[in-house]
């Protein structure tokens, strides 16, 4: 005999809508185009654009604060260069779960001027000590590409689908009004009686300019899940 499936309550529906809205807001942020002044052109690779590592680190610190870390997974040599794989751990801003993205980077060993890169007998002094940090930097940037456009994901891609503003960030006044009415029905809502009366007045008079303020107040006072 199959288990009986209970329908979700209004509280469940509204709480989930709030969660999805926050996820949409995060995706909207990380899929913005990076500031033009951050974008550099590679001095040796034709038409190759990149964002310097200091900007990537700035974004990680600004968005995730101290809730991120970089782990070196592996490293080694391959032919005339070195490679490194890293894992960028971060705490999901919405669910508070720890997640990660992996990245790989490689760097060619520098050889003496006029010699073949394949001639390992002519490797410059300090070539290894320079190559590994570069490989690590490239690996971190490769992992962070997964976050979205803001981290440089599509700088060198020609055929891309532009990211559209999530529908949840383009709600019509009618949709906002419906959500407010649903939120008002949630058991355990912690707003004051005065706030409730003000919101009910806004709903009754259809003061569209105040809808966002109402939604923010209601979402911030939803009962905590046990």
N, C-alpha and C. Protein backbone atom coordinates (compact mmCIF):
# COMPACT_ATOMS: atom_id res chain seq x y z
N UNK A 1 0.84 -1.19 0.00
CA UNK A 1 0.00 0.00 0.00
C UNK A 1 0.88 1.24 0.00
N UNK A 2 0.63 2.14 -0.92
CA UNK A 2 1.47 3.33 -1.04
C UNK A 2 1.17 4.31 0.08
N UNK A 3 2.20 5.09 0.45
CA UNK A 3 2.03 6.07 1.51
C UNK A 3 1.15 7.22 1.04
N UNK A 4 0.36 7.72 1.98
CA UNK A 4 -0.50 8.86 1.68
C UNK A 4 0.36 10.12 1.61
N UNK A 5 0.18 10.88 0.54
CA UNK A 5 0.95 12.10 0.36
C UNK A 5 0.11 13.29 0.80
N UNK A 6 0.63 14.05 1.74
CA UNK A 6 -0.08 15.22 2.22
C UNK A 6 0.20 16.42 1.33
N UNK A 7 -0.82 17.21 1.07
CA UNK A 7 -0.64 18.43 0.30
C UNK A 7 0.16 19.44 1.12
N UNK A 8 0.98 20.27 0.45
CA UNK A 8 1.73 21.29 1.20
C UNK A 8 0.79 22.33 1.78
N UNK A 9 1.17 22.88 2.92
CA UNK A 9 0.37 23.94 3.52
C UNK A 9 0.73 25.27 2.89
N UNK A 10 -0.09 26.29 3.15
CA UNK A 10 0.22 27.63 2.65
C UNK A 10 1.56 28.08 3.19
N UNK A 11 1.82 27.75 4.46
CA UNK A 11 3.10 28.12 5.07
C UNK A 11 4.26 27.53 4.29
N UNK A 12 4.15 26.24 3.92
CA UNK A 12 5.21 25.58 3.15
C UNK A 12 5.40 26.26 1.80
N UNK A 13 4.29 26.53 1.13
CA UNK A 13 4.35 27.14 -0.20
C UNK A 13 5.01 28.50 -0.14
N UNK A 14 4.59 29.31 0.80
CA UNK A 14 5.12 30.67 0.90
C UNK A 14 6.59 30.66 1.27
N UNK A 15 6.96 29.78 2.21
CA UNK A 15 8.36 29.69 2.61
C UNK A 15 9.22 29.27 1.43
N UNK A 16 8.75 28.31 0.63
CA UNK A 16 9.50 27.87 -0.53
C UNK A 16 9.61 28.97 -1.57
N UNK A 17 8.54 29.71 -1.77
CA UNK A 17 8.58 30.83 -2.73
C UNK A 17 9.64 31.82 -2.31
N UNK A 18 9.71 32.11 -1.02
CA UNK A 18 10.72 33.03 -0.51
C UNK A 18 12.12 32.50 -0.78
N UNK A 19 12.32 31.19 -0.59
CA UNK A 19 13.62 30.57 -0.84
C UNK A 19 13.99 30.69 -2.31
N UNK A 20 13.04 30.38 -3.20
CA UNK A 20 13.32 30.46 -4.62
C UNK A 20 13.62 31.90 -5.03
N UNK A 21 12.92 32.86 -4.46
CA UNK A 21 13.16 34.26 -4.78
C UNK A 21 14.59 34.66 -4.42
N UNK A 22 15.05 34.21 -3.25
CA UNK A 22 16.41 34.54 -2.83
C UNK A 22 17.43 33.89 -3.74
N UNK A 23 17.15 32.66 -4.19
CA UNK A 23 18.06 31.99 -5.12
C UNK A 23 18.12 32.74 -6.44
N UNK A 24 16.96 33.23 -6.90
CA UNK A 24 16.92 34.01 -8.12
C UNK A 24 17.74 35.29 -7.98
N UNK A 25 17.65 35.93 -6.83
CA UNK A 25 18.38 37.17 -6.60
C UNK A 25 19.88 36.92 -6.64
N UNK A 26 20.33 35.79 -6.07
CA UNK A 26 21.75 35.45 -6.10
C UNK A 26 22.20 35.19 -7.53
N UNK A 27 21.42 34.41 -8.29
CA UNK A 27 21.77 34.13 -9.68
C UNK A 27 21.78 35.41 -10.51
N UNK A 28 20.87 36.30 -10.22
CA UNK A 28 20.83 37.58 -10.92
C UNK A 28 22.11 38.37 -10.65
N UNK A 29 22.58 38.35 -9.41
CA UNK A 29 23.81 39.07 -9.05
C UNK A 29 25.02 38.50 -9.78
N UNK A 30 25.25 37.19 -9.68
CA UNK A 30 26.48 36.61 -10.22
C UNK A 30 26.45 36.49 -11.74
N UNK A 31 25.32 36.78 -12.36
CA UNK A 31 25.26 36.75 -13.82
C UNK A 31 25.21 38.14 -14.44
N UNK A 32 25.52 39.17 -13.65
CA UNK A 32 25.71 40.50 -14.20
C UNK A 32 27.04 40.54 -14.94
N UNK A 33 27.16 41.46 -15.90
CA UNK A 33 28.43 41.61 -16.60
C UNK A 33 29.44 42.25 -15.65
N UNK A 34 30.71 41.82 -15.68
CA UNK A 34 31.72 42.43 -14.80
C UNK A 34 32.00 43.86 -15.24
N UNK A 35 32.43 44.73 -14.33
CA UNK A 35 32.77 46.11 -14.70
C UNK A 35 33.80 46.13 -15.83
N UNK A 36 33.59 46.99 -16.80
CA UNK A 36 34.47 47.05 -17.97
C UNK A 36 35.93 47.30 -17.57
N UNK A 37 36.13 48.10 -16.54
CA UNK A 37 37.51 48.43 -16.14
C UNK A 37 38.24 47.24 -15.52
N UNK A 38 37.49 46.20 -15.14
CA UNK A 38 38.13 45.00 -14.60
C UNK A 38 38.70 44.12 -15.70
N UNK A 39 38.16 44.23 -16.89
CA UNK A 39 38.50 43.29 -17.97
C UNK A 39 39.81 43.69 -18.64
N UNK A 40 40.72 42.75 -18.72
CA UNK A 40 42.02 42.98 -19.35
C UNK A 40 42.17 42.09 -20.58
N UNK A 41 43.05 42.50 -21.49
CA UNK A 41 43.35 41.70 -22.68
C UNK A 41 44.72 41.05 -22.50
N UNK A 42 44.78 39.76 -22.75
CA UNK A 42 46.02 39.02 -22.57
C UNK A 42 47.11 39.56 -23.50
N UNK A 43 48.33 39.78 -22.98
CA UNK A 43 49.39 40.36 -23.82
C UNK A 43 49.91 39.44 -24.91
N UNK A 44 49.69 38.13 -24.76
CA UNK A 44 50.25 37.19 -25.74
C UNK A 44 49.20 36.41 -26.52
N UNK A 45 48.04 36.17 -25.92
CA UNK A 45 46.99 35.41 -26.60
C UNK A 45 46.03 36.38 -27.27
N UNK A 46 45.92 36.32 -28.57
CA UNK A 46 45.13 37.28 -29.33
C UNK A 46 43.65 37.24 -28.94
N UNK A 47 43.12 38.42 -28.66
CA UNK A 47 41.69 38.61 -28.35
C UNK A 47 41.22 37.83 -27.13
N UNK A 48 42.14 37.44 -26.27
CA UNK A 48 41.75 36.70 -25.06
C UNK A 48 41.59 37.67 -23.90
N UNK A 49 40.40 37.69 -23.32
CA UNK A 49 40.12 38.59 -22.21
C UNK A 49 40.12 37.82 -20.89
N UNK A 50 40.43 38.54 -19.83
CA UNK A 50 40.44 37.89 -18.52
C UNK A 50 40.21 38.93 -17.42
N UNK A 51 39.85 38.43 -16.24
CA UNK A 51 39.72 39.27 -15.06
C UNK A 51 40.86 38.92 -14.12
N UNK A 52 41.65 39.89 -13.67
CA UNK A 52 42.77 39.59 -12.77
C UNK A 52 42.32 38.90 -11.49
N UNK A 53 43.21 38.12 -10.91
CA UNK A 53 42.87 37.31 -9.74
C UNK A 53 42.47 38.17 -8.55
N UNK A 54 43.01 39.39 -8.43
CA UNK A 54 42.66 40.22 -7.28
C UNK A 54 41.18 40.59 -7.29
N UNK A 55 40.60 40.72 -8.49
CA UNK A 55 39.17 41.03 -8.59
C UNK A 55 38.33 39.79 -8.24
N UNK A 56 38.81 38.62 -8.64
CA UNK A 56 38.10 37.38 -8.29
C UNK A 56 38.10 37.18 -6.78
N UNK A 57 39.24 37.42 -6.16
CA UNK A 57 39.34 37.29 -4.70
C UNK A 57 38.47 38.32 -4.00
N UNK A 58 38.41 39.52 -4.58
CA UNK A 58 37.56 40.58 -4.01
C UNK A 58 36.09 40.15 -4.04
N UNK A 59 35.65 39.55 -5.15
CA UNK A 59 34.27 39.09 -5.25
C UNK A 59 33.97 37.99 -4.24
N UNK A 60 34.89 37.06 -4.09
CA UNK A 60 34.70 35.97 -3.12
C UNK A 60 34.55 36.53 -1.71
N UNK A 61 35.42 37.50 -1.37
CA UNK A 61 35.35 38.08 -0.02
C UNK A 61 34.08 38.91 0.16
N UNK A 62 33.69 39.64 -0.88
CA UNK A 62 32.53 40.53 -0.77
C UNK A 62 31.22 39.75 -0.69
N UNK A 63 31.11 38.68 -1.47
CA UNK A 63 29.86 37.92 -1.54
C UNK A 63 29.76 36.90 -0.41
N UNK A 64 30.85 36.15 -0.20
CA UNK A 64 30.80 35.05 0.77
C UNK A 64 31.47 35.36 2.11
N UNK A 65 32.05 36.56 2.23
CA UNK A 65 32.74 36.97 3.46
C UNK A 65 33.81 35.92 3.80
N UNK A 66 33.75 35.40 5.04
CA UNK A 66 34.73 34.39 5.45
C UNK A 66 34.26 32.97 5.18
N UNK A 67 33.11 32.85 4.56
CA UNK A 67 32.53 31.52 4.33
C UNK A 67 32.96 30.95 2.98
N UNK A 68 34.26 30.98 2.73
CA UNK A 68 34.81 30.33 1.54
C UNK A 68 36.27 29.97 1.82
N UNK A 69 36.76 28.97 1.13
CA UNK A 69 38.16 28.58 1.27
C UNK A 69 38.60 27.85 0.01
N UNK A 70 39.90 27.86 -0.23
CA UNK A 70 40.46 27.25 -1.43
C UNK A 70 41.35 26.08 -1.04
N UNK A 71 41.07 24.93 -1.62
CA UNK A 71 41.81 23.71 -1.33
C UNK A 71 42.57 23.26 -2.58
N UNK A 72 43.86 22.98 -2.42
CA UNK A 72 44.64 22.42 -3.52
C UNK A 72 44.41 20.91 -3.54
N UNK A 73 43.88 20.41 -4.65
CA UNK A 73 43.58 18.98 -4.75
C UNK A 73 44.77 18.17 -5.23
N UNK A 74 45.44 18.69 -6.26
CA UNK A 74 46.53 17.93 -6.85
C UNK A 74 47.41 18.85 -7.68
N UNK A 75 48.60 18.39 -7.98
CA UNK A 75 49.52 19.17 -8.80
C UNK A 75 50.54 18.23 -9.43
N UNK A 76 51.15 18.69 -10.51
CA UNK A 76 52.13 17.85 -11.16
C UNK A 76 52.73 18.53 -12.37
N UNK A 77 53.55 17.78 -13.10
CA UNK A 77 54.18 18.29 -14.32
C UNK A 77 53.65 17.51 -15.51
N UNK A 78 53.63 18.18 -16.65
CA UNK A 78 53.18 17.54 -17.88
C UNK A 78 53.98 18.12 -19.03
N UNK A 79 54.80 17.31 -19.66
CA UNK A 79 55.65 17.71 -20.77
C UNK A 79 56.53 18.88 -20.35
N UNK A 80 56.24 20.11 -20.82
CA UNK A 80 57.11 21.25 -20.50
C UNK A 80 56.40 22.27 -19.61
N UNK A 81 55.49 21.79 -18.78
CA UNK A 81 54.76 22.72 -17.91
C UNK A 81 54.30 22.05 -16.64
N UNK A 82 53.59 22.82 -15.83
CA UNK A 82 53.04 22.30 -14.58
C UNK A 82 51.54 22.51 -14.58
N UNK A 83 50.84 21.73 -13.77
CA UNK A 83 49.39 21.87 -13.66
C UNK A 83 48.97 21.76 -12.20
N UNK A 84 47.79 22.27 -11.92
CA UNK A 84 47.27 22.21 -10.56
C UNK A 84 45.75 22.18 -10.61
N UNK A 85 45.15 21.41 -9.72
CA UNK A 85 43.69 21.41 -9.58
C UNK A 85 43.34 21.92 -8.19
N UNK A 86 42.30 22.74 -8.11
CA UNK A 86 41.87 23.30 -6.84
C UNK A 86 40.37 23.10 -6.66
N UNK A 87 39.94 23.26 -5.44
CA UNK A 87 38.51 23.20 -5.12
C UNK A 87 38.16 24.46 -4.32
N UNK A 88 37.23 25.24 -4.85
CA UNK A 88 36.77 26.44 -4.15
C UNK A 88 35.52 26.08 -3.36
N UNK A 89 35.65 26.03 -2.06
CA UNK A 89 34.52 25.74 -1.17
C UNK A 89 33.81 27.05 -0.83
N UNK A 90 32.50 27.02 -0.77
CA UNK A 90 31.75 28.21 -0.37
C UNK A 90 30.46 27.79 0.33
N UNK A 91 29.99 28.65 1.20
CA UNK A 91 28.76 28.40 1.94
C UNK A 91 27.60 29.05 1.20
N UNK A 92 26.65 28.23 0.77
CA UNK A 92 25.49 28.74 0.04
C UNK A 92 24.78 29.80 0.88
N UNK A 93 24.59 30.98 0.29
CA UNK A 93 24.00 32.10 1.02
C UNK A 93 22.54 31.85 1.37
N UNK A 94 21.89 30.96 0.65
CA UNK A 94 20.46 30.72 0.86
C UNK A 94 20.22 29.56 1.82
N UNK A 95 20.87 28.43 1.53
CA UNK A 95 20.62 27.20 2.32
C UNK A 95 21.62 26.98 3.45
N UNK A 96 22.73 27.75 3.44
CA UNK A 96 23.81 27.61 4.43
C UNK A 96 24.55 26.28 4.30
N UNK A 97 24.36 25.58 3.17
CA UNK A 97 25.09 24.34 2.92
C UNK A 97 26.45 24.67 2.30
N UNK A 98 27.45 23.86 2.66
CA UNK A 98 28.77 24.03 2.03
C UNK A 98 28.78 23.32 0.68
N UNK A 99 29.20 24.04 -0.36
CA UNK A 99 29.28 23.49 -1.71
C UNK A 99 30.66 23.81 -2.28
N UNK A 100 30.93 23.36 -3.49
CA UNK A 100 32.25 23.66 -4.07
C UNK A 100 32.21 23.59 -5.59
N UNK A 101 33.21 24.25 -6.20
CA UNK A 101 33.47 24.14 -7.63
C UNK A 101 34.95 23.79 -7.79
N UNK A 102 35.24 22.92 -8.75
CA UNK A 102 36.62 22.52 -9.03
C UNK A 102 37.15 23.27 -10.24
N UNK A 103 38.46 23.48 -10.26
CA UNK A 103 39.08 24.15 -11.40
C UNK A 103 40.46 23.59 -11.66
N UNK A 104 40.95 23.77 -12.88
CA UNK A 104 42.27 23.29 -13.26
C UNK A 104 43.02 24.41 -13.96
N UNK A 105 44.32 24.49 -13.71
CA UNK A 105 45.15 25.49 -14.36
C UNK A 105 46.50 24.91 -14.71
N UNK A 106 47.12 25.44 -15.76
CA UNK A 106 48.43 24.95 -16.19
C UNK A 106 49.28 26.13 -16.65
N UNK A 107 50.59 25.95 -16.54
CA UNK A 107 51.51 27.01 -16.96
C UNK A 107 52.76 26.39 -17.56
N UNK A 108 53.18 26.95 -18.67
CA UNK A 108 54.39 26.48 -19.35
C UNK A 108 55.62 26.96 -18.60
N UNK A 109 56.63 26.11 -18.51
CA UNK A 109 57.89 26.50 -17.88
C UNK A 109 58.67 27.42 -18.80
N UNK A 110 59.22 28.47 -18.24
CA UNK A 110 60.00 29.42 -19.04
C UNK A 110 61.38 28.85 -19.34
N UNK A 111 61.76 28.97 -20.61
CA UNK A 111 63.10 28.53 -21.02
C UNK A 111 63.90 29.74 -21.49
N UNK A 112 65.19 29.55 -21.65
CA UNK A 112 66.06 30.65 -22.07
C UNK A 112 65.65 31.19 -23.43
N UNK A 113 65.82 32.49 -23.60
CA UNK A 113 65.41 33.16 -24.82
C UNK A 113 66.07 32.52 -26.04
N UNK A 114 65.23 32.25 -27.05
CA UNK A 114 65.74 31.69 -28.30
C UNK A 114 65.80 30.18 -28.32
N UNK A 115 65.45 29.53 -27.20
CA UNK A 115 65.47 28.07 -27.16
C UNK A 115 64.05 27.53 -27.25
N UNK A 116 63.93 26.28 -27.62
CA UNK A 116 62.62 25.66 -27.76
C UNK A 116 62.00 25.41 -26.38
N UNK A 117 60.69 25.66 -26.24
CA UNK A 117 60.00 25.37 -24.97
C UNK A 117 60.08 23.89 -24.61
N UNK A 118 60.33 23.05 -25.61
CA UNK A 118 60.42 21.61 -25.36
C UNK A 118 61.79 21.20 -24.84
N UNK A 119 62.76 22.11 -24.92
CA UNK A 119 64.12 21.80 -24.49
C UNK A 119 64.24 22.07 -22.99
N UNK A 120 63.98 21.06 -22.19
CA UNK A 120 63.94 21.24 -20.74
C UNK A 120 65.33 21.49 -20.14
N UNK A 121 66.39 21.31 -20.93
CA UNK A 121 67.73 21.58 -20.42
C UNK A 121 68.00 23.08 -20.33
N UNK A 122 67.12 23.88 -20.94
CA UNK A 122 67.30 25.33 -20.94
C UNK A 122 66.25 26.06 -20.11
N UNK A 123 65.71 25.37 -19.11
CA UNK A 123 64.72 26.00 -18.23
C UNK A 123 65.40 27.10 -17.41
N UNK A 124 64.74 28.25 -17.31
CA UNK A 124 65.27 29.36 -16.52
C UNK A 124 65.28 29.02 -15.04
N UNK A 125 66.22 29.63 -14.33
CA UNK A 125 66.24 29.49 -12.88
C UNK A 125 64.95 30.08 -12.29
N UNK A 126 64.35 29.36 -11.38
CA UNK A 126 63.13 29.86 -10.75
C UNK A 126 61.88 29.64 -11.57
N UNK A 127 62.00 28.92 -12.69
CA UNK A 127 60.83 28.72 -13.55
C UNK A 127 59.72 27.96 -12.83
N UNK A 128 60.10 26.95 -12.06
CA UNK A 128 59.09 26.17 -11.34
C UNK A 128 58.39 27.01 -10.27
N UNK A 129 59.17 27.80 -9.53
CA UNK A 129 58.58 28.60 -8.46
C UNK A 129 57.64 29.67 -9.00
N UNK A 130 57.81 30.06 -10.26
CA UNK A 130 56.89 31.02 -10.88
C UNK A 130 55.70 30.31 -11.50
N UNK A 131 55.93 29.13 -12.04
CA UNK A 131 54.88 28.44 -12.80
C UNK A 131 53.75 27.93 -11.91
N UNK A 132 54.08 27.39 -10.74
CA UNK A 132 53.04 26.81 -9.89
C UNK A 132 52.05 27.86 -9.36
N UNK A 133 52.52 29.03 -8.89
CA UNK A 133 51.54 30.05 -8.47
C UNK A 133 50.64 30.51 -9.61
N UNK A 134 51.20 30.59 -10.82
CA UNK A 134 50.38 30.97 -11.97
C UNK A 134 49.33 29.90 -12.25
N UNK A 135 49.76 28.63 -12.19
CA UNK A 135 48.81 27.53 -12.41
C UNK A 135 47.71 27.54 -11.35
N UNK A 136 48.08 27.85 -10.11
CA UNK A 136 47.08 27.92 -9.04
C UNK A 136 46.08 29.05 -9.30
N UNK A 137 46.60 30.21 -9.71
CA UNK A 137 45.73 31.34 -10.02
C UNK A 137 44.74 30.99 -11.12
N UNK A 138 45.23 30.36 -12.18
CA UNK A 138 44.36 29.98 -13.29
C UNK A 138 43.32 28.95 -12.86
N UNK A 139 43.73 28.05 -11.97
CA UNK A 139 42.79 27.02 -11.48
C UNK A 139 41.68 27.65 -10.65
N UNK A 140 42.03 28.61 -9.80
CA UNK A 140 41.01 29.30 -8.99
C UNK A 140 40.03 30.02 -9.89
N UNK A 141 40.55 30.73 -10.88
CA UNK A 141 39.67 31.46 -11.80
C UNK A 141 38.80 30.51 -12.61
N UNK A 142 39.36 29.36 -12.97
CA UNK A 142 38.59 28.35 -13.71
C UNK A 142 37.43 27.83 -12.86
N UNK A 143 37.69 27.60 -11.58
CA UNK A 143 36.62 27.13 -10.68
C UNK A 143 35.56 28.21 -10.50
N UNK A 144 35.99 29.45 -10.32
CA UNK A 144 35.04 30.54 -10.06
C UNK A 144 34.21 30.90 -11.28
N UNK A 145 34.67 30.52 -12.47
CA UNK A 145 33.85 30.72 -13.67
C UNK A 145 32.46 30.12 -13.51
N UNK A 146 32.37 29.05 -12.72
CA UNK A 146 31.09 28.36 -12.56
C UNK A 146 30.04 29.23 -11.87
N UNK A 147 30.47 30.25 -11.14
CA UNK A 147 29.50 31.11 -10.46
C UNK A 147 28.67 31.90 -11.46
N UNK A 148 29.30 32.38 -12.54
CA UNK A 148 28.54 33.15 -13.52
C UNK A 148 29.34 34.25 -14.19
N UNK A 149 28.65 35.08 -14.94
CA UNK A 149 29.28 36.12 -15.75
C UNK A 149 30.13 37.09 -14.94
N UNK A 150 29.69 37.42 -13.73
CA UNK A 150 30.41 38.39 -12.91
C UNK A 150 31.84 37.95 -12.66
N UNK A 151 32.07 36.64 -12.64
CA UNK A 151 33.40 36.08 -12.41
C UNK A 151 34.15 35.82 -13.72
N UNK A 152 33.58 36.25 -14.84
CA UNK A 152 34.25 36.10 -16.13
C UNK A 152 33.92 34.86 -16.90
N UNK A 153 32.80 34.21 -16.59
CA UNK A 153 32.46 32.93 -17.20
C UNK A 153 32.39 32.98 -18.72
N UNK A 154 31.88 34.08 -19.27
CA UNK A 154 31.63 34.12 -20.72
C UNK A 154 32.46 35.17 -21.46
N UNK A 155 33.57 35.58 -20.87
CA UNK A 155 34.36 36.64 -21.49
C UNK A 155 34.85 36.27 -22.89
N UNK A 156 35.17 35.00 -23.10
CA UNK A 156 35.76 34.59 -24.38
C UNK A 156 34.86 33.64 -25.16
N UNK A 157 33.57 33.64 -24.83
CA UNK A 157 32.61 32.83 -25.58
C UNK A 157 31.84 33.73 -26.52
N UNK A 158 31.69 33.29 -27.76
CA UNK A 158 31.01 34.12 -28.76
C UNK A 158 29.52 33.83 -28.82
N UNK A 159 29.15 32.57 -28.74
CA UNK A 159 27.73 32.20 -28.85
C UNK A 159 27.21 31.84 -27.47
N UNK A 160 26.59 32.81 -26.83
CA UNK A 160 26.06 32.58 -25.49
C UNK A 160 24.61 33.01 -25.42
N UNK A 161 23.88 32.42 -24.49
CA UNK A 161 22.50 32.81 -24.24
C UNK A 161 22.52 33.86 -23.14
N UNK A 162 22.08 35.08 -23.43
CA UNK A 162 22.11 36.12 -22.40
C UNK A 162 21.25 35.76 -21.21
N UNK A 163 21.75 36.08 -20.02
CA UNK A 163 20.99 35.78 -18.80
C UNK A 163 19.87 36.78 -18.65
N UNK A 164 18.67 36.28 -18.45
CA UNK A 164 17.50 37.14 -18.30
C UNK A 164 17.17 37.31 -16.83
N UNK A 165 16.66 38.48 -16.51
CA UNK A 165 16.23 38.74 -15.15
C UNK A 165 15.17 37.73 -14.75
N UNK A 166 15.35 37.03 -13.62
CA UNK A 166 14.35 36.03 -13.20
C UNK A 166 12.97 36.65 -13.09
N UNK A 167 11.97 35.84 -13.41
CA UNK A 167 10.59 36.34 -13.36
C UNK A 167 10.23 36.82 -11.96
N UNK A 168 10.82 36.19 -10.94
CA UNK A 168 10.49 36.57 -9.57
C UNK A 168 10.93 37.99 -9.25
N UNK A 169 11.91 38.50 -10.04
CA UNK A 169 12.34 39.88 -9.83
C UNK A 169 11.57 40.83 -10.72
N UNK A 170 10.63 40.33 -11.51
CA UNK A 170 9.82 41.15 -12.41
C UNK A 170 8.33 40.92 -12.13
N UNK A 171 7.99 40.72 -10.90
CA UNK A 171 6.60 40.42 -10.57
C UNK A 171 5.69 41.60 -10.89
N UNK A 172 4.51 41.26 -11.35
CA UNK A 172 3.50 42.28 -11.59
C UNK A 172 2.91 42.70 -10.24
N UNK A 173 2.28 43.87 -10.18
CA UNK A 173 1.63 44.28 -8.93
C UNK A 173 0.59 43.26 -8.46
N UNK A 174 -0.10 42.63 -9.41
CA UNK A 174 -1.11 41.63 -9.04
C UNK A 174 -0.45 40.42 -8.36
N UNK A 175 0.70 39.99 -8.88
CA UNK A 175 1.41 38.85 -8.28
C UNK A 175 1.91 39.20 -6.88
N UNK A 176 2.41 40.42 -6.74
CA UNK A 176 2.88 40.85 -5.42
C UNK A 176 1.73 40.90 -4.42
N UNK A 177 0.59 41.39 -4.88
CA UNK A 177 -0.58 41.48 -4.02
C UNK A 177 -1.02 40.09 -3.55
N UNK A 178 -1.02 39.14 -4.48
CA UNK A 178 -1.39 37.76 -4.13
C UNK A 178 -0.43 37.18 -3.10
N UNK A 179 0.86 37.44 -3.29
CA UNK A 179 1.85 36.91 -2.34
C UNK A 179 1.67 37.53 -0.96
N UNK A 180 1.37 38.83 -0.92
CA UNK A 180 1.13 39.50 0.37
C UNK A 180 -0.05 38.86 1.09
N UNK A 181 -1.11 38.61 0.34
CA UNK A 181 -2.31 38.01 0.93
C UNK A 181 -2.02 36.61 1.46
N UNK A 182 -1.20 35.84 0.73
CA UNK A 182 -0.82 34.50 1.19
C UNK A 182 0.01 34.58 2.47
N UNK A 183 0.95 35.51 2.48
CA UNK A 183 1.82 35.65 3.64
C UNK A 183 1.03 36.03 4.89
N UNK A 184 0.02 36.85 4.71
CA UNK A 184 -0.79 37.27 5.86
C UNK A 184 -1.54 36.10 6.49
N UNK A 185 -1.73 35.02 5.72
CA UNK A 185 -2.46 33.85 6.22
C UNK A 185 -1.57 32.84 6.94
N UNK A 186 -0.26 33.08 6.92
CA UNK A 186 0.66 32.11 7.53
C UNK A 186 0.52 32.12 9.05
N UNK A 187 0.35 30.95 9.64
CA UNK A 187 0.27 30.83 11.10
C UNK A 187 1.63 31.13 11.73
N UNK A 188 1.61 31.88 12.81
CA UNK A 188 2.85 32.15 13.53
C UNK A 188 3.62 33.35 13.02
N UNK A 189 3.02 34.12 12.12
CA UNK A 189 3.66 35.33 11.61
C UNK A 189 3.93 36.27 12.79
N UNK A 190 5.12 36.84 12.85
CA UNK A 190 5.53 37.59 14.05
C UNK A 190 5.42 39.11 13.90
N UNK A 191 4.63 39.59 12.95
CA UNK A 191 4.47 41.04 12.81
C UNK A 191 3.55 41.57 13.91
N UNK A 192 3.67 42.86 14.19
CA UNK A 192 2.82 43.48 15.21
C UNK A 192 1.42 43.70 14.64
N UNK A 193 0.48 43.93 15.53
CA UNK A 193 -0.89 44.19 15.10
C UNK A 193 -0.96 45.48 14.29
N UNK A 194 -0.14 46.45 14.66
CA UNK A 194 -0.11 47.71 13.91
C UNK A 194 0.38 47.49 12.48
N UNK A 195 1.44 46.68 12.34
CA UNK A 195 1.96 46.37 11.00
C UNK A 195 0.90 45.63 10.18
N UNK A 196 0.20 44.70 10.81
CA UNK A 196 -0.83 43.95 10.09
C UNK A 196 -1.92 44.89 9.58
N UNK A 197 -2.33 45.82 10.42
CA UNK A 197 -3.38 46.76 10.02
C UNK A 197 -2.91 47.64 8.87
N UNK A 198 -1.66 48.07 8.92
CA UNK A 198 -1.11 48.89 7.84
C UNK A 198 -1.06 48.11 6.53
N UNK A 199 -0.62 46.85 6.61
CA UNK A 199 -0.54 46.03 5.40
C UNK A 199 -1.93 45.77 4.83
N UNK A 200 -2.89 45.48 5.71
CA UNK A 200 -4.26 45.24 5.24
C UNK A 200 -4.84 46.49 4.58
N UNK A 201 -4.47 47.65 5.11
CA UNK A 201 -4.92 48.90 4.48
C UNK A 201 -4.31 49.07 3.09
N UNK A 202 -3.01 48.75 2.98
CA UNK A 202 -2.32 48.85 1.69
C UNK A 202 -2.94 47.90 0.68
N UNK A 203 -3.28 46.69 1.14
CA UNK A 203 -3.92 45.70 0.26
C UNK A 203 -5.29 46.18 -0.18
N UNK A 204 -6.05 46.68 0.76
CA UNK A 204 -7.41 47.13 0.45
C UNK A 204 -7.41 48.31 -0.52
N UNK A 205 -6.48 49.23 -0.32
CA UNK A 205 -6.43 50.42 -1.17
C UNK A 205 -5.53 50.24 -2.39
N UNK A 206 -4.92 49.04 -2.48
CA UNK A 206 -4.06 48.70 -3.62
C UNK A 206 -2.96 49.75 -3.84
N UNK A 207 -2.22 50.03 -2.78
CA UNK A 207 -1.11 50.97 -2.86
C UNK A 207 0.12 50.23 -3.41
N UNK A 208 0.22 50.15 -4.72
CA UNK A 208 1.26 49.35 -5.36
C UNK A 208 2.66 49.79 -4.97
N UNK A 209 2.84 51.07 -4.72
CA UNK A 209 4.17 51.58 -4.40
C UNK A 209 4.70 51.00 -3.08
N UNK A 210 3.79 50.49 -2.24
CA UNK A 210 4.19 49.95 -0.93
C UNK A 210 4.29 48.43 -0.91
N UNK A 211 4.02 47.77 -2.03
CA UNK A 211 4.01 46.30 -2.06
C UNK A 211 5.36 45.70 -1.67
N UNK A 212 6.44 46.23 -2.23
CA UNK A 212 7.76 45.66 -1.94
C UNK A 212 8.11 45.79 -0.46
N UNK A 213 7.74 46.92 0.13
CA UNK A 213 7.99 47.12 1.56
C UNK A 213 7.22 46.10 2.39
N UNK A 214 5.98 45.84 2.01
CA UNK A 214 5.17 44.84 2.71
C UNK A 214 5.78 43.45 2.60
N UNK A 215 6.20 43.10 1.39
CA UNK A 215 6.78 41.77 1.18
C UNK A 215 8.04 41.58 2.01
N UNK A 216 8.86 42.61 2.06
CA UNK A 216 10.10 42.51 2.84
C UNK A 216 9.78 42.31 4.32
N UNK A 217 8.83 43.08 4.83
CA UNK A 217 8.45 42.97 6.24
C UNK A 217 7.89 41.58 6.55
N UNK A 218 7.03 41.08 5.68
CA UNK A 218 6.41 39.78 5.91
C UNK A 218 7.42 38.64 5.82
N UNK A 219 8.27 38.69 4.81
CA UNK A 219 9.27 37.63 4.64
C UNK A 219 10.26 37.59 5.80
N UNK A 220 10.54 38.76 6.37
CA UNK A 220 11.48 38.82 7.50
C UNK A 220 10.85 38.35 8.81
N UNK A 221 9.54 38.16 8.80
CA UNK A 221 8.86 37.77 10.04
C UNK A 221 8.10 36.45 9.91
N UNK A 222 8.53 35.63 8.95
CA UNK A 222 7.95 34.29 8.85
C UNK A 222 8.38 33.44 10.04
N UNK A 223 7.54 32.52 10.49
CA UNK A 223 7.93 31.66 11.62
C UNK A 223 9.12 30.79 11.24
N UNK A 224 9.98 30.57 12.21
CA UNK A 224 11.16 29.73 11.99
C UNK A 224 10.74 28.28 11.89
N UNK A 225 11.38 27.56 10.94
CA UNK A 225 11.09 26.13 10.82
C UNK A 225 11.71 25.39 11.98
N UNK A 226 10.94 24.50 12.58
CA UNK A 226 11.45 23.73 13.73
C UNK A 226 12.30 22.57 13.25
